[in-house]
C-alpha atoms as a PDB file:
ATOM      1  CA  MET A   1     253.887  68.732 182.290  1.00  0.00           C
ATOM      2  CA  TYR A   2     257.079  70.211 183.565  1.00  0.00           C
ATOM      3  CA  ASN A   3     257.268  74.080 183.380  1.00  0.00           C
ATOM      4  CA  PHE A   4     260.616  75.326 183.086  1.00  0.00           C
ATOM      5  CA  ASN A   5     259.448  79.423 182.581  1.00  0.00           C
ATOM      6  CA  SER A   6     257.371  80.983 184.625  1.00  0.00           C
ATOM      7  CA  ASP A   7     253.588  80.859 184.860  1.00  0.00           C
ATOM      8  CA  GLU A   8     253.633  84.324 182.825  1.00  0.00           C
ATOM      9  CA  LYS A   9     255.444  83.198 180.019  1.00  0.00           C
ATOM     10  CA  ILE A  10     252.954  80.431 179.541  1.00  0.00           C
ATOM     11  CA  ALA A  11     250.319  83.319 180.190  1.00  0.00           C
ATOM     12  CA  ASN A  12     251.422  85.414 177.717  1.00  0.00           C
ATOM     13  CA  VAL A  13     250.847  82.793 174.794  1.00  0.00           C
ATOM     14  CA  GLN A  14     247.959  83.279 172.991  1.00  0.00           C
ATOM     15  CA  PRO A  15     245.765  81.937 170.641  1.00  0.00           C
ATOM     16  CA  GLU A  16     246.950  83.503 167.566  1.00  0.00           C
ATOM     17  CA  ASP A  17     250.641  82.160 168.454  1.00  0.00           C
ATOM     18  CA  ILE A  18     249.509  78.720 168.533  1.00  0.00           C
ATOM     19  CA  ALA A  19     247.505  79.351 165.204  1.00  0.00           C
ATOM     20  CA  LYS A  20     250.958  81.107 163.614  1.00  0.00           C
ATOM     21  CA  LEU A  21     252.690  77.485 165.047  1.00  0.00           C
ATOM     22  CA  LEU A  22     250.384  75.143 163.245  1.00  0.00           C
ATOM     23  CA  ARG A  23     250.108  77.258 160.309  1.00  0.00           C
ATOM     24  CA  SER A  24     253.787  77.175 160.039  1.00  0.00           C
ATOM     25  CA  MET A  25     253.966  73.502 160.034  1.00  0.00           C
ATOM     26  CA  GLY A  26     251.701  73.454 157.515  1.00  0.00           C
ATOM     27  CA  ALA A  27     248.317  73.270 158.917  1.00  0.00           C
ATOM     28  CA  THR A  28     245.161  75.082 157.449  1.00  0.00           C
ATOM     29  CA  GLY A  29     242.301  76.492 158.860  1.00  0.00           C
ATOM     30  CA  ASN A  30     240.257  74.406 156.227  1.00  0.00           C
ATOM     31  CA  PHE A  31     239.619  71.717 158.896  1.00  0.00           C
ATOM     32  CA  HIS A  32     237.584  71.937 162.222  1.00  0.00           C
ATOM     33  CA  GLY A  33     240.286  70.233 164.207  1.00  0.00           C
ATOM     34  CA  PHE A  34     242.634  73.183 163.247  1.00  0.00           C
ATOM     35  CA  ASP A  35     240.106  75.412 165.735  1.00  0.00           C
ATOM     36  CA  TYR A  36     240.136  72.376 167.953  1.00  0.00           C
ATOM     37  CA  ILE A  37     243.736  71.827 168.612  1.00  0.00           C
ATOM     38  CA  VAL A  38     244.283  75.520 169.139  1.00  0.00           C
ATOM     39  CA  PHE A  39     241.643  75.391 171.828  1.00  0.00           C
ATOM     40  CA  ILE A  40     242.972  72.578 173.523  1.00  0.00           C
ATOM     41  CA  ILE A  41     246.750  73.942 173.453  1.00  0.00           C
ATOM     42  CA  TYR A  42     245.385  77.070 175.276  1.00  0.00           C
ATOM     43  CA  GLN A  43     243.411  75.466 177.248  1.00  0.00           C
ATOM     44  CA  LYS A  44     246.857  72.893 178.847  1.00  0.00           C
ATOM     45  CA  LEU A  45     248.847  75.918 178.516  1.00  0.00           C
ATOM     46  CA  GLN A  46     246.335  77.745 180.987  1.00  0.00           C
ATOM     47  CA  HIS A  47     245.981  74.823 183.429  1.00  0.00           C
ATOM     48  CA  PRO A  48     249.626  73.501 183.187  1.00  0.00           C
ATOM     49  CA  ASN A  49     249.237  71.218 187.002  1.00  0.00           C
ATOM     50  CA  GLN A  50     246.478  68.695 185.247  1.00  0.00           C
ATOM     51  CA  GLN A  51     248.376  66.083 184.012  1.00  0.00           C
ATOM     52  CA  TYR A  52     245.427  64.012 182.696  1.00  0.00           C
ATOM     53  CA  TRP A  53     243.893  66.968 180.970  1.00  0.00           C
ATOM     54  CA  THR A  54     244.530  65.865 177.415  1.00  0.00           C
ATOM     55  CA  THR A  55     243.224  62.027 177.794  1.00  0.00           C
ATOM     56  CA  LYS A  56     240.029  62.677 179.898  1.00  0.00           C
ATOM     57  CA  MET A  57     238.904  66.226 179.856  1.00  0.00           C
ATOM     58  CA  ALA A  58     239.775  67.692 176.473  1.00  0.00           C
ATOM     59  CA  TYR A  59     237.917  66.003 174.167  1.00  0.00           C
ATOM     60  CA  PRO A  60     234.401  66.699 176.187  1.00  0.00           C
ATOM     61  CA  GLU A  61     235.396  70.089 176.793  1.00  0.00           C
ATOM     62  CA  THR A  62     236.310  71.127 173.145  1.00  0.00           C
ATOM     63  CA  ALA A  63     233.196  69.366 172.231  1.00  0.00           C
ATOM     64  CA  ALA A  64     230.691  71.332 174.405  1.00  0.00           C
ATOM     65  CA  HIS A  65     232.621  74.588 173.701  1.00  0.00           C
ATOM     66  CA  PHE A  66     232.012  74.002 169.894  1.00  0.00           C
ATOM     67  CA  ASN A  67     228.671  72.097 170.612  1.00  0.00           C
ATOM     68  CA  VAL A  68     229.825  68.788 168.975  1.00  0.00           C
ATOM     69  CA  THR A  69     230.498  65.059 169.933  1.00  0.00           C
ATOM     70  CA  PRO A  70     233.987  63.921 171.323  1.00  0.00           C
ATOM     71  CA  GLY A  71     234.336  61.944 168.856  1.00  0.00           C
ATOM     72  CA  SER A  72     234.159  64.514 165.846  1.00  0.00           C
ATOM     73  CA  VAL A  73     236.740  66.404 167.736  1.00  0.00           C
ATOM     74  CA  GLU A  74     238.963  63.550 168.360  1.00  0.00           C
ATOM     75  CA  ARG A  75     238.776  62.577 164.537  1.00  0.00           C
ATOM     76  CA  SER A  76     238.870  65.747 162.813  1.00  0.00           C
ATOM     77  CA  ILE A  77     242.317  66.516 165.215  1.00  0.00           C
ATOM     78  CA  ARG A  78     243.271  63.467 163.778  1.00  0.00           C
ATOM     79  CA  THR A  79     242.477  64.260 160.498  1.00  0.00           C
ATOM     80  CA  THR A  80     244.175  67.258 160.774  1.00  0.00           C
ATOM     81  CA  ILE A  81     247.389  66.074 162.103  1.00  0.00           C
ATOM     82  CA  GLY A  82     247.636  63.706 159.049  1.00  0.00           C
ATOM     83  CA  SER A  83     247.384  66.897 156.586  1.00  0.00           C
ATOM     84  CA  ILE A  84     250.679  68.097 158.367  1.00  0.00           C
ATOM     85  CA  TRP A  85     251.913  64.849 158.278  1.00  0.00           C
ATOM     86  CA  ASP A  86     251.363  64.382 154.501  1.00  0.00           C
ATOM     87  CA  LYS A  87     253.448  67.086 153.578  1.00  0.00           C
ATOM     88  CA  TYR A  88     256.571  66.075 151.617  1.00  0.00           C
ATOM     89  CA  ASP A  89     259.203  67.313 154.287  1.00  0.00           C
ATOM     90  CA  HIS A  90     258.580  66.970 157.960  1.00  0.00           C
ATOM     91  CA  SER A  91     261.206  68.871 159.097  1.00  0.00           C
ATOM     92  CA  ASP A  92     258.859  71.493 160.741  1.00  0.00           C
ATOM     93  CA  ILE A  93     257.273  69.184 162.909  1.00  0.00           C
ATOM     94  CA  ASP A  94     260.685  67.627 163.404  1.00  0.00           C
ATOM     95  CA  ARG A  95     262.033  71.009 164.533  1.00  0.00           C
ATOM     96  CA  VAL A  96     259.128  71.478 166.805  1.00  0.00           C
ATOM     97  CA  ALA A  97     259.244  67.925 168.170  1.00  0.00           C
ATOM     98  CA  GLY A  98     262.928  68.837 168.613  1.00  0.00           C
ATOM     99  CA  ARG A  99     263.375  65.433 166.662  1.00  0.00           C
ATOM    100  CA  HIS A 100     263.081  63.533 164.191  1.00  0.00           C
ATOM    101  CA  LEU A 101     260.010  62.117 163.957  1.00  0.00           C
ATOM    102  CA  GLU A 102     259.445  58.079 162.500  1.00  0.00           C
ATOM    103  CA  ASP A 103     255.960  57.557 162.365  1.00  0.00           C
ATOM    104  CA  ILE A 104     252.788  60.275 162.721  1.00  0.00           C
ATOM    105  CA  PRO A 105     252.637  61.009 166.337  1.00  0.00           C
ATOM    106  CA  THR A 106     248.942  60.333 168.113  1.00  0.00           C
ATOM    107  CA  ASN A 107     246.742  62.994 169.115  1.00  0.00           C
ATOM    108  CA  SER A 108     247.986  63.308 172.488  1.00  0.00           C
ATOM    109  CA  GLU A 109     251.581  63.317 171.502  1.00  0.00           C
ATOM    110  CA  PHE A 110     250.662  66.362 168.716  1.00  0.00           C
ATOM    111  CA  LEU A 111     249.194  67.929 171.438  1.00  0.00           C
ATOM    112  CA  ASP A 112     251.960  67.394 173.718  1.00  0.00           C
ATOM    113  CA  ILE A 113     254.252  68.242 171.334  1.00  0.00           C
ATOM    114  CA  VAL A 114     253.448  71.539 170.189  1.00  0.00           C
ATOM    115  CA  ALA A 115     252.198  72.290 173.995  1.00  0.00           C
ATOM    116  CA  ALA A 116     255.781  71.904 175.404  1.00  0.00           C
ATOM    117  CA  TYR A 117     257.220  73.915 172.411  1.00  0.00           C
ATOM    118  CA  LEU A 118     255.268  76.605 173.307  1.00  0.00           C
ATOM    119  CA  SER A 119     255.362  76.414 177.397  1.00  0.00           C
ATOM    120  CA  TYR A 120     259.177  75.825 177.840  1.00  0.00           C
ATOM    121  CA  GLY A 121     259.221  79.191 175.712  1.00  0.00           C
ATOM    122  CA  ALA A 122     261.543  77.227 172.498  1.00  0.00           C
ATOM    123  CA  TYR A 123     259.908  79.523 170.044  1.00  0.00           C
ATOM    124  CA  PRO A 124     261.036  83.256 168.785  1.00  0.00           C
ATOM    125  CA  ARG A 125     258.521  85.559 169.983  1.00  0.00           C
ATOM    126  CA  ASP A 126     258.874  88.005 166.779  1.00  0.00           C
ATOM    127  CA  GLY A 127     257.448  86.045 164.609  1.00  0.00           C
ATOM    128  CA  SER A 128     260.616  84.441 162.638  1.00  0.00           C
ATOM    129  CA  TYR A 129     259.545  80.582 162.265  1.00  0.00           C
ATOM    130  CA  TYR A 130     256.859  81.173 160.025  1.00  0.00           C
ATOM    131  CA  ARG A 131     257.448  80.304 156.283  1.00  0.00           C
ATOM    132  CA  TYR A 132     254.794  81.825 154.071  1.00  0.00           C
END
């Protein structure tokens, strides 16, 4: 992942920031995948130089942390992404992606979109992007 900001800015992103961003896109904490996404994004931001972290290590490490199987992590994340996509309006996820998405993103694409949005500092830290 390209890191245009200093490591300090990435280190300042907390799990709460990730959760708030997910909620702004329409995700809810009712899904197990919500917590898995927060965990994975946080870990990814803490280790920005590990290019293959998502595909090779994320699911097993998340599964071990939450005491579930890697397959369960993958399915739960896909379900959470699907719940976001099923909203009538995709403008929130498009805003985070920085472009119009024609199709539902894969798990890896979604995780990359959110991590990039947070790591590039593209979001206001004052909470102004949240919609309640």
